[in-house]
Each structure stands twice: as C-alpha cells, then as structure tokens.
Amino acid sequence: MSFFTYILRCADGSYYTGHTDDLDTRVAQHQSGEIGGYTSDKRPVELMWSESLATRAEALACELQIKGWSRKKKEALIAGDWDGLKRASVSSSAPASPPLGSALRLRSGRTEGEEGAQNAITLNTAPPVIVLVRPQLGENIGKAARAMLNFGLTEMRLVTPRDGWPNPDAGPAAAGADEVLANAQVYETLAEAVADCAHVYATTVRKRGVTKPVVTPEEAAREIRDAVGRSAFVFGPERSGLETDDVALARAILTVPVNPEFGSLNLAQAVILCAYEWSKHAPLAQPTLTNILPPAPQDELEGMIGQFGAMLDEAGYFFPPSRAAATRRTLRNLLTKPGWNHLEVRTLRGVLSALAHPRPR
C-alpha cells in the first residue's frame, strides 16, 4: 500500500499540504468541499505536486516538513527546480538550517496560517552513512575516510573487515581524516549495519539478478536530500564487490556511468563520487568568488582602437587603400570581442605607447 504527500493550489493562490492513502479520492473530496477547513471556501483547487511514500509515518513527516517551507521553496519543489529549491533553502529570509547530524522538530498543522495540532515528529537530517562491506585493505579504508571528510561525511560503518579493526594501515592513508576512523563502527552483518536506514543504495556495476531501481550518484543524492529517514551508501570489497545477498538488502542499485570498456573504480574513487554528489546540496564552504570587472566604457575602447589604427597607419599597414575600410572593420571586430575591462584597456594602450616610443637603451 502506498501513501502520498501532496500540495494543492487553492483558488486564492495559496497552497495546502496534506497526506493520504488514496490521492485521487482525497483531491476529489477537497474539490467538492467534502473536507471542511482551509480548502472548503477556497475552491476550486488544483493538484500541483505529489510524492508516493512507503508508510503513513513517512507521508506525515514529509507533509510536516513541506508545511514549514516558504512559498518560494514550495513553488521550486512543484516546478522540479532543484537549484531554486537549494537557493530558497539558504536564503536570508529562511530559518537557519539545523546542523548536520541533528534532528529537526516540526509541529503538525493542517493548513497554512493555522497554528495546528501540538503533536510533534522528529525528522532526522543526518547526512548519508558510508558502509564498507568486508573491506580488505586498511589503506583503502583510510582513503575512503579521506574522501568522505572532504565532502562533509563523517559516519563510516564497517562490516567484518578482513584484517579486523582498528587497522594500523588506515591512519596514514586517511591523511588527517582521523575523526572518521575513530568513530567508525563495526558490524557482523550488513543488515545490522543499515538497520536504522530507510534508504539504502547498493553500489555495483552489475545487478546480479536482483530487480531493483537503478540510479546514478546524482539521482541518489537528490532522493536523499528530499527523503525522510536515514540513508546509506553501501560499497563491497575491493576484489569482488557486493554479493547478491548484499544487493538484495538495498532499496535501489547505484551505478556510476563509466566507460563500458573499462568500468573499474577503486573503493575510494567510488566513495568520493557519491560523497561529492551529496555535497552539492549540503551547506559546505564554497571557493571564494573572484569579482570580475565589467567591460570598459565604449569611449575607452574607442580610444584603444583609435590608437591601434593610428600606429598601423604610420606603419603602412592599411594597404592597398581599396581594402583599408574592410581591414579597419575586421580590426574593430577583433578588438571588441574579448570584452576588455578598463584595466586591460589601459594596459594594452600602455603597451602600444611603449612600442611607438621605445625608451633608449
């Protein structure tokens, strides 16, 4: 049985968010006014967005999460504008996002603008877990930890590592990601390692006879960002990858689009691809933007072009005279293409002046 979270647009342009186990019937009830409350005097209504979820608790949690969003953020969700949704999430007018790994407490409410009921639900906003199943080399565990921490992931879980744990070879390879290794947890089975995760992605090139949805790292990261509950990326041992029973535990198969003639990725490479895609939607520090100066005013550009023309005239460049106009036009096109800023124009004019009047040596 499926459950749905949905968004309706009312006749006055406002949005209503709810959840149900029968989407068509529920929308019809809103449309007819059978459901009293917010939508009854704001008809007609229009279904703008819906999402199918496995349990009623997940549908309710999703409803509560979306209810707290701004109008701009809801409209980005409806439009499938993930970049817009991200921008709306970090806008100055939005509440501060909870720290990674914390839980967000939301009150339930039936409509926008109403205080709503006082029952609460906890939404876990922790980043995905990285699970390494039967890893063989401590060095590879360390490299995977380094890849994780580069992109803000800190929770590593190990399933029966071949050489036991802790492994002295992991530390040097981690290159400073010691906190990931220090907090790594060891489990006897994969089922135990992902017991608290609602969304488990098995990373494998081959489906191994198991029929499941197949996604890319980018698609998985997008799903994780919008999902309710914990998520995990599961990686198999270096030599053979995940076994069929391992893949069977997952909700979906994650496959990296690679060269079909050479699809071999080492463990850390696979981890970093998934971690990077997830980090695109995380509040990590971004490189400082370099301010780009605007193009120079047209009069400065004209001065530079005139200086070029005068020097070339003196050098006899525009020959034969019958081609002079076309040559000058070509020169102007050439000099207007780069979009020089005022500093570049002045520098180039200084170069021309130095060529025209060289200093005596």
Protein backbone atom coordinates (compact mmCIF):
# COMPACT_ATOMS: atom_id res chain seq x y z
CA MET A 1 0.00 0.00 0.00
CA SER A 2 1.28 3.47 -0.87
CA PHE A 3 0.82 6.76 0.95
CA PHE A 4 1.05 10.20 -0.59
CA THR A 5 2.11 13.68 0.41
CA TYR A 6 0.55 16.30 -1.84
CA ILE A 7 0.34 20.05 -2.48
CA LEU A 8 -2.84 21.76 -3.72
CA ARG A 9 -3.12 25.28 -5.09
CA CYS A 10 -6.29 26.98 -3.95
CA ALA A 11 -8.41 29.50 -5.84
CA ASP A 12 -6.86 32.39 -3.88
CA GLY A 13 -3.35 31.29 -4.91
CA SER A 14 -2.36 29.84 -1.53
CA TYR A 15 -1.02 26.32 -1.08
CA TYR A 16 -2.34 23.48 1.03
CA THR A 17 -0.20 20.48 2.01
CA GLY A 18 -1.60 17.18 3.19
CA HIS A 19 -1.17 13.40 3.12
CA THR A 20 -3.44 10.47 2.29
CA ASP A 21 -3.56 6.81 1.28
CA ASP A 22 -5.90 7.50 -1.67
CA LEU A 23 -4.74 10.52 -3.64
CA ASP A 24 -7.50 10.64 -6.28
CA THR A 25 -10.28 10.34 -3.72
CA ARG A 26 -8.72 12.92 -1.40
CA VAL A 27 -8.29 15.50 -4.16
CA ALA A 28 -11.90 14.93 -5.23
CA GLN A 29 -13.02 15.48 -1.62
CA HIS A 30 -11.14 18.78 -1.48
CA GLN A 31 -12.62 19.77 -4.84
CA SER A 32 -16.19 19.04 -3.75
CA GLY A 33 -15.85 20.74 -0.36
CA GLU A 34 -16.48 17.46 1.47
CA ILE A 35 -13.39 18.11 3.57
CA GLY A 36 -14.07 21.10 5.79
CA GLY A 37 -11.44 23.58 6.85
CA TYR A 38 -8.90 25.51 4.84
CA THR A 39 -9.78 24.41 1.30
CA SER A 40 -13.58 24.34 1.65
CA ASP A 41 -14.01 28.07 0.87
CA LYS A 42 -11.04 28.34 -1.46
CA ARG A 43 -12.25 26.16 -4.31
CA PRO A 44 -11.55 25.14 -6.97
CA VAL A 45 -8.28 23.52 -6.01
CA GLU A 46 -5.62 22.05 -8.28
CA LEU A 47 -3.18 19.22 -7.53
CA MET A 48 0.29 20.66 -8.10
CA TRP A 49 2.64 18.01 -6.67
CA SER A 50 2.58 14.61 -5.00
CA GLU A 51 5.08 12.05 -3.75
CA SER A 52 4.50 8.35 -3.07
CA LEU A 53 5.93 7.03 0.21
CA ALA A 54 6.10 3.60 1.78
CA THR A 55 4.44 4.32 5.15
CA ARG A 56 1.92 6.72 6.62
CA ALA A 57 4.54 7.99 9.08
CA GLU A 58 6.83 8.96 6.21
CA ALA A 59 3.98 10.69 4.37
CA LEU A 60 3.03 12.63 7.50
CA ALA A 61 6.63 13.57 8.17
CA CYS A 62 7.02 14.78 4.59
CA GLU A 63 3.82 16.85 4.94
CA LEU A 64 5.09 18.48 8.11
CA GLN A 65 8.43 19.25 6.54
CA ILE A 66 6.90 20.94 3.49
CA LYS A 67 4.37 22.89 5.58
CA GLY A 68 7.24 24.79 7.15
CA TRP A 69 8.64 25.86 3.78
CA SER A 70 8.27 29.29 2.26
CA ARG A 71 6.04 29.84 -0.75
CA LYS A 72 9.13 30.27 -2.94
CA LYS A 73 10.53 26.94 -1.79
CA LYS A 74 7.22 25.13 -2.38
CA GLU A 75 6.99 26.54 -5.89
CA ALA A 76 10.54 25.39 -6.62
CA LEU A 77 9.55 21.88 -5.48
CA ILE A 78 6.44 21.94 -7.67
CA ALA A 79 8.49 23.04 -10.68
CA GLY A 80 11.18 20.42 -10.05
CA ASP A 81 13.69 23.29 -9.85
CA TRP A 82 16.31 21.69 -7.57
CA ASP A 83 18.73 24.61 -7.84
CA GLY A 84 15.93 27.02 -6.98
CA LEU A 85 14.93 24.82 -4.05
CA LYS A 86 18.52 24.90 -2.81
CA ARG A 87 18.72 28.69 -3.13
CA ALA A 88 15.41 29.11 -1.30
CA SER A 89 16.66 26.83 1.48
CA VAL A 90 19.66 29.04 2.20
CA SER A 91 18.06 32.45 1.54
CA SER A 92 18.46 35.08 4.21
CA SER A 93 14.73 35.09 4.89
CA ALA A 94 14.63 31.36 5.63
CA PRO A 95 15.20 29.93 9.12
CA ALA A 96 18.70 28.73 9.76
CA SER A 97 19.24 25.12 8.75
CA PRO A 98 19.91 22.68 11.59
CA PRO A 99 23.46 21.42 11.97
CA LEU A 100 24.39 18.27 10.09
CA GLY A 101 23.52 15.20 12.09
CA SER A 102 20.90 16.93 14.24
CA ALA A 103 17.15 16.38 14.29
CA LEU A 104 14.58 18.95 13.20
CA ARG A 105 11.49 19.21 15.39
CA LEU A 106 8.33 20.20 13.49
CA ARG A 107 4.78 20.68 14.73
CA SER A 108 1.98 19.26 12.69
CA GLY A 109 -0.68 21.54 11.24
CA ARG A 110 -3.50 21.01 8.85
CA THR A 111 -3.27 24.26 6.87
CA GLU A 112 -1.06 27.22 6.14
CA GLY A 113 -1.68 30.09 8.52
CA GLU A 114 -3.23 27.90 11.24
CA GLU A 115 -1.40 27.04 14.42
CA GLY A 116 -2.25 23.36 14.07
CA ALA A 117 -2.08 20.46 16.45
CA GLN A 118 0.65 20.12 19.05
CA ASN A 119 1.83 16.59 18.34
CA ALA A 120 5.47 16.53 17.21
CA ILE A 121 7.54 14.32 14.97
CA THR A 122 11.29 14.09 14.63
CA LEU A 123 12.87 14.22 11.16
CA ASN A 124 16.44 13.01 11.09
CA THR A 125 18.54 15.33 8.93
CA ALA A 126 21.83 13.44 9.22
CA PRO A 127 23.90 13.03 6.05
CA PRO A 128 24.18 9.57 4.48
CA VAL A 129 26.16 6.79 6.12
CA ILE A 130 29.03 5.12 4.25
CA VAL A 131 29.02 1.35 4.72
CA LEU A 132 32.04 -0.70 3.63
CA VAL A 133 31.21 -4.41 3.39
CA ARG A 134 34.11 -6.80 4.02
CA PRO A 135 36.82 -4.25 3.08
CA GLN A 136 40.16 -5.93 2.50
CA LEU A 137 42.91 -3.33 2.94
CA GLY A 138 43.28 -0.87 5.77
CA GLU A 139 44.82 1.56 3.32
CA ASN A 140 41.61 1.61 1.28
CA ILE A 141 39.52 2.20 4.39
CA GLY A 142 41.72 5.18 5.19
CA LYS A 143 41.42 6.58 1.67
CA ALA A 144 37.64 6.17 1.82
CA ALA A 145 37.60 8.10 5.11
CA ARG A 146 39.61 10.90 3.49
CA ALA A 147 37.16 11.03 0.57
CA MET A 148 34.22 11.18 3.00
CA LEU A 149 35.53 14.02 5.11
CA ASN A 150 36.44 16.08 2.04
CA PHE A 151 32.71 16.37 1.37
CA GLY A 152 31.30 16.53 4.87
CA LEU A 153 30.52 12.88 5.57
CA THR A 154 31.75 11.54 8.90
CA GLU A 155 29.84 8.33 9.69
CA MET A 156 31.59 5.18 8.48
CA ARG A 157 30.34 1.67 9.21
CA LEU A 158 32.42 -1.45 8.56
CA VAL A 159 31.01 -4.94 8.04
CA THR A 160 33.52 -7.68 9.03
CA PRO A 161 36.71 -6.03 7.72
CA ARG A 162 39.09 -8.75 6.58
CA ASP A 163 42.03 -7.70 8.76
CA GLY A 164 39.98 -6.65 11.77
CA TRP A 165 39.59 -3.20 13.25
CA PRO A 166 41.31 -0.90 14.06
CA ASN A 167 43.81 -1.33 11.25
CA PRO A 168 47.20 0.47 11.51
CA ASP A 169 47.36 0.95 7.73
CA ALA A 170 44.21 3.09 7.69
CA GLY A 171 45.58 6.09 9.59
CA PRO A 172 48.34 7.24 7.20
CA ALA A 173 46.07 6.77 4.17
CA ALA A 174 43.34 8.88 5.78
CA ALA A 175 45.67 11.92 5.61
CA GLY A 176 44.09 13.61 8.62
CA ALA A 177 40.55 12.23 8.48
CA ASP A 178 41.15 10.69 11.89
CA GLU A 179 37.73 11.54 13.29
CA VAL A 180 36.08 9.34 10.67
CA LEU A 181 38.27 6.37 11.57
CA ALA A 182 38.00 6.95 15.32
CA ASN A 183 34.21 6.88 15.18
CA ALA A 184 33.89 4.01 12.68
CA GLN A 185 31.54 1.27 13.89
CA VAL A 186 31.98 -2.44 13.14
CA TYR A 187 29.08 -4.82 12.45
CA GLU A 188 28.82 -8.53 11.86
CA THR A 189 26.25 -8.27 9.05
CA LEU A 190 25.13 -5.70 6.53
CA ALA A 191 21.57 -5.99 7.83
CA GLU A 192 22.75 -4.81 11.24
CA ALA A 193 24.79 -2.00 9.72
CA VAL A 194 21.82 -0.48 7.88
CA ALA A 195 19.08 -1.39 10.36
CA ASP A 196 18.29 2.27 11.10
CA CYS A 197 18.39 3.39 7.44
CA ALA A 198 15.21 3.78 5.42
CA HIS A 199 17.02 4.39 2.11
CA VAL A 200 19.86 2.01 1.24
CA TYR A 201 21.79 2.22 -2.04
CA ALA A 202 23.94 -0.72 -3.13
CA THR A 203 26.82 0.45 -5.31
CA THR A 204 27.52 -2.09 -8.02
CA VAL A 205 28.15 -2.25 -11.76
CA ARG A 206 26.18 -5.47 -12.10
CA LYS A 207 22.59 -6.08 -10.99
CA ARG A 208 23.46 -9.66 -10.08
CA GLY A 209 19.98 -10.97 -10.87
CA VAL A 210 18.22 -8.62 -8.44
CA THR A 211 15.47 -6.42 -9.89
CA LYS A 212 15.60 -3.00 -8.26
CA PRO A 213 15.51 0.64 -9.34
CA VAL A 214 18.87 1.77 -10.76
CA VAL A 215 20.07 5.32 -10.11
CA THR A 216 23.20 7.39 -10.63
CA PRO A 217 25.03 9.11 -7.74
CA GLU A 218 23.39 12.40 -8.75
CA GLU A 219 19.90 10.89 -8.66
CA ALA A 220 20.57 9.17 -5.35
CA ALA A 221 21.83 12.42 -3.80
CA ARG A 222 18.68 14.20 -4.93
CA GLU A 223 16.49 11.48 -3.43
CA ILE A 224 18.41 11.55 -0.15
CA ARG A 225 18.06 15.30 0.15
CA ASP A 226 14.26 15.09 -0.07
CA ALA A 227 13.82 11.81 1.81
CA VAL A 228 12.62 11.28 5.35
CA GLY A 229 14.81 8.97 7.41
CA ARG A 230 18.44 7.93 7.31
CA SER A 231 20.23 6.90 4.12
CA ALA A 232 23.25 4.73 3.39
CA PHE A 233 25.65 4.14 0.50
CA VAL A 234 26.90 0.54 0.59
CA PHE A 235 30.20 -0.49 -1.01
CA GLY A 236 31.52 -4.01 -1.49
CA PRO A 237 35.00 -5.50 -1.05
CA GLU A 238 37.71 -4.34 -3.42
CA ARG A 239 38.21 -7.62 -5.25
CA SER A 240 34.67 -8.75 -5.99
CA GLY A 241 32.17 -6.07 -4.98
CA LEU A 242 28.84 -6.73 -3.30
CA GLU A 243 27.34 -10.20 -3.34
CA THR A 244 23.77 -10.88 -4.48
CA ASP A 245 22.54 -11.15 -0.88
CA ASP A 246 24.08 -7.77 -0.09
CA VAL A 247 22.35 -6.11 -3.04
CA ALA A 248 19.06 -7.75 -2.08
CA LEU A 249 19.05 -5.76 1.19
CA ALA A 250 19.12 -2.43 -0.62
CA ARG A 251 16.19 -0.34 -1.79
CA ALA A 252 17.99 0.67 -5.00
CA ILE A 253 21.12 -0.03 -7.04
CA LEU A 254 23.55 2.83 -7.55
CA THR A 255 25.70 2.64 -10.68
CA VAL A 256 28.25 5.18 -11.88
CA PRO A 257 28.15 5.86 -15.64
CA VAL A 258 31.65 4.85 -16.74
CA ASN A 259 33.49 3.71 -19.85
CA PRO A 260 31.91 0.33 -20.73
CA GLU A 261 35.32 -0.88 -21.91
CA PHE A 262 36.88 -0.12 -18.52
CA GLY A 263 34.49 0.13 -15.60
CA SER A 264 36.95 -0.46 -12.75
CA LEU A 265 36.82 2.05 -9.88
CA ASN A 266 38.75 1.61 -6.66
CA LEU A 267 36.92 1.89 -3.35
CA ALA A 268 37.91 5.48 -2.53
CA GLN A 269 37.01 6.66 -6.03
CA ALA A 270 33.53 5.19 -5.72
CA VAL A 271 33.06 6.75 -2.29
CA ILE A 272 34.20 10.19 -3.42
CA LEU A 273 31.81 10.21 -6.39
CA CYS A 274 28.84 9.57 -4.11
CA ALA A 275 30.07 11.97 -1.44
CA TYR A 276 30.63 14.74 -3.98
CA GLU A 277 27.14 14.44 -5.45
CA TRP A 278 25.64 14.59 -1.97
CA SER A 279 27.78 17.62 -1.07
CA LYS A 280 26.23 19.69 -3.87
CA HIS A 281 23.13 20.04 -1.69
CA ALA A 282 24.96 20.46 1.63
CA PRO A 283 25.98 23.76 3.28
CA LEU A 284 29.69 23.24 2.76
CA ALA A 285 32.13 26.09 2.20
CA GLN A 286 32.47 27.13 -1.42
CA PRO A 287 35.55 28.65 -3.08
CA THR A 288 35.67 32.40 -2.79
CA LEU A 289 34.26 34.12 -5.83
CA THR A 290 36.62 36.42 -7.70
CA ASN A 291 35.00 39.67 -8.68
CA ILE A 292 35.12 40.18 -12.44
CA LEU A 293 35.42 43.78 -13.56
CA PRO A 294 32.77 44.97 -16.00
CA PRO A 295 33.70 45.76 -19.61
CA ALA A 296 35.33 49.12 -20.17
CA PRO A 297 33.12 52.04 -21.31
CA GLN A 298 32.81 52.41 -25.06
CA ASP A 299 34.83 55.65 -25.12
CA GLU A 300 37.85 53.89 -23.57
CA LEU A 301 37.53 51.08 -26.08
CA GLU A 302 37.28 53.58 -28.92
CA GLY A 303 40.45 55.27 -27.69
CA MET A 304 42.33 51.96 -27.80
CA ILE A 305 41.02 51.14 -31.28
CA GLY A 306 41.99 54.62 -32.47
CA GLN A 307 45.48 54.21 -31.07
CA PHE A 308 45.84 50.90 -32.88
CA GLY A 309 44.62 52.49 -36.12
CA ALA A 310 47.00 55.45 -35.86
CA MET A 311 50.03 53.26 -35.26
CA LEU A 312 49.09 50.92 -38.11
CA ASP A 313 48.53 53.91 -40.41
CA GLU A 314 52.03 55.14 -39.64
CA ALA A 315 53.43 51.68 -40.31
CA GLY A 316 51.63 51.48 -43.68
CA TYR A 317 49.55 48.50 -42.60
CA PHE A 318 46.33 49.53 -44.38
CA PHE A 319 47.39 48.65 -47.92
CA PRO A 320 46.10 48.64 -50.57
CA PRO A 321 43.85 51.66 -49.87
CA SER A 322 40.88 49.92 -51.51
CA ARG A 323 40.92 47.33 -48.66
CA ALA A 324 41.52 49.81 -45.84
CA ALA A 325 37.85 50.10 -44.75
CA ALA A 326 37.34 46.33 -44.62
CA THR A 327 40.62 45.83 -42.76
CA ARG A 328 39.69 48.50 -40.18
CA ARG A 329 36.31 46.78 -39.69
CA THR A 330 37.98 43.42 -39.13
CA LEU A 331 40.36 45.03 -36.63
CA ARG A 332 37.43 46.58 -34.75
CA ASN A 333 35.62 43.22 -34.59
CA LEU A 334 38.78 41.61 -33.26
CA LEU A 335 39.31 44.21 -30.53
CA THR A 336 35.69 44.28 -29.36
CA LYS A 337 35.32 40.51 -28.90
CA PRO A 338 37.19 39.97 -25.60
CA GLY A 339 35.11 42.39 -23.52
CA TRP A 340 38.15 44.19 -22.13
CA ASN A 341 37.75 45.86 -18.73
CA HIS A 342 39.19 49.30 -18.10
CA LEU A 343 42.42 47.98 -16.56
CA GLU A 344 43.05 45.73 -19.56
CA VAL A 345 42.38 48.58 -21.99
CA ARG A 346 44.82 50.85 -20.16
CA THR A 347 47.45 48.13 -20.02
CA LEU A 348 47.19 47.40 -23.73
CA ARG A 349 47.34 51.09 -24.57
CA GLY A 350 50.47 51.36 -22.46
CA VAL A 351 51.98 48.52 -24.47
CA LEU A 352 51.17 50.33 -27.71
CA SER A 353 52.67 53.58 -26.42
CA ALA A 354 55.85 51.75 -25.43
CA LEU A 355 56.09 50.21 -28.89
CA ALA A 356 55.54 53.59 -30.56
CA HIS A 357 58.06 55.39 -28.37
CA PRO A 358 60.62 52.89 -27.13
CA ARG A 359 62.95 54.05 -24.39
CA PRO A 360 66.58 54.42 -25.43
CA ARG A 361 68.84 51.70 -24.10
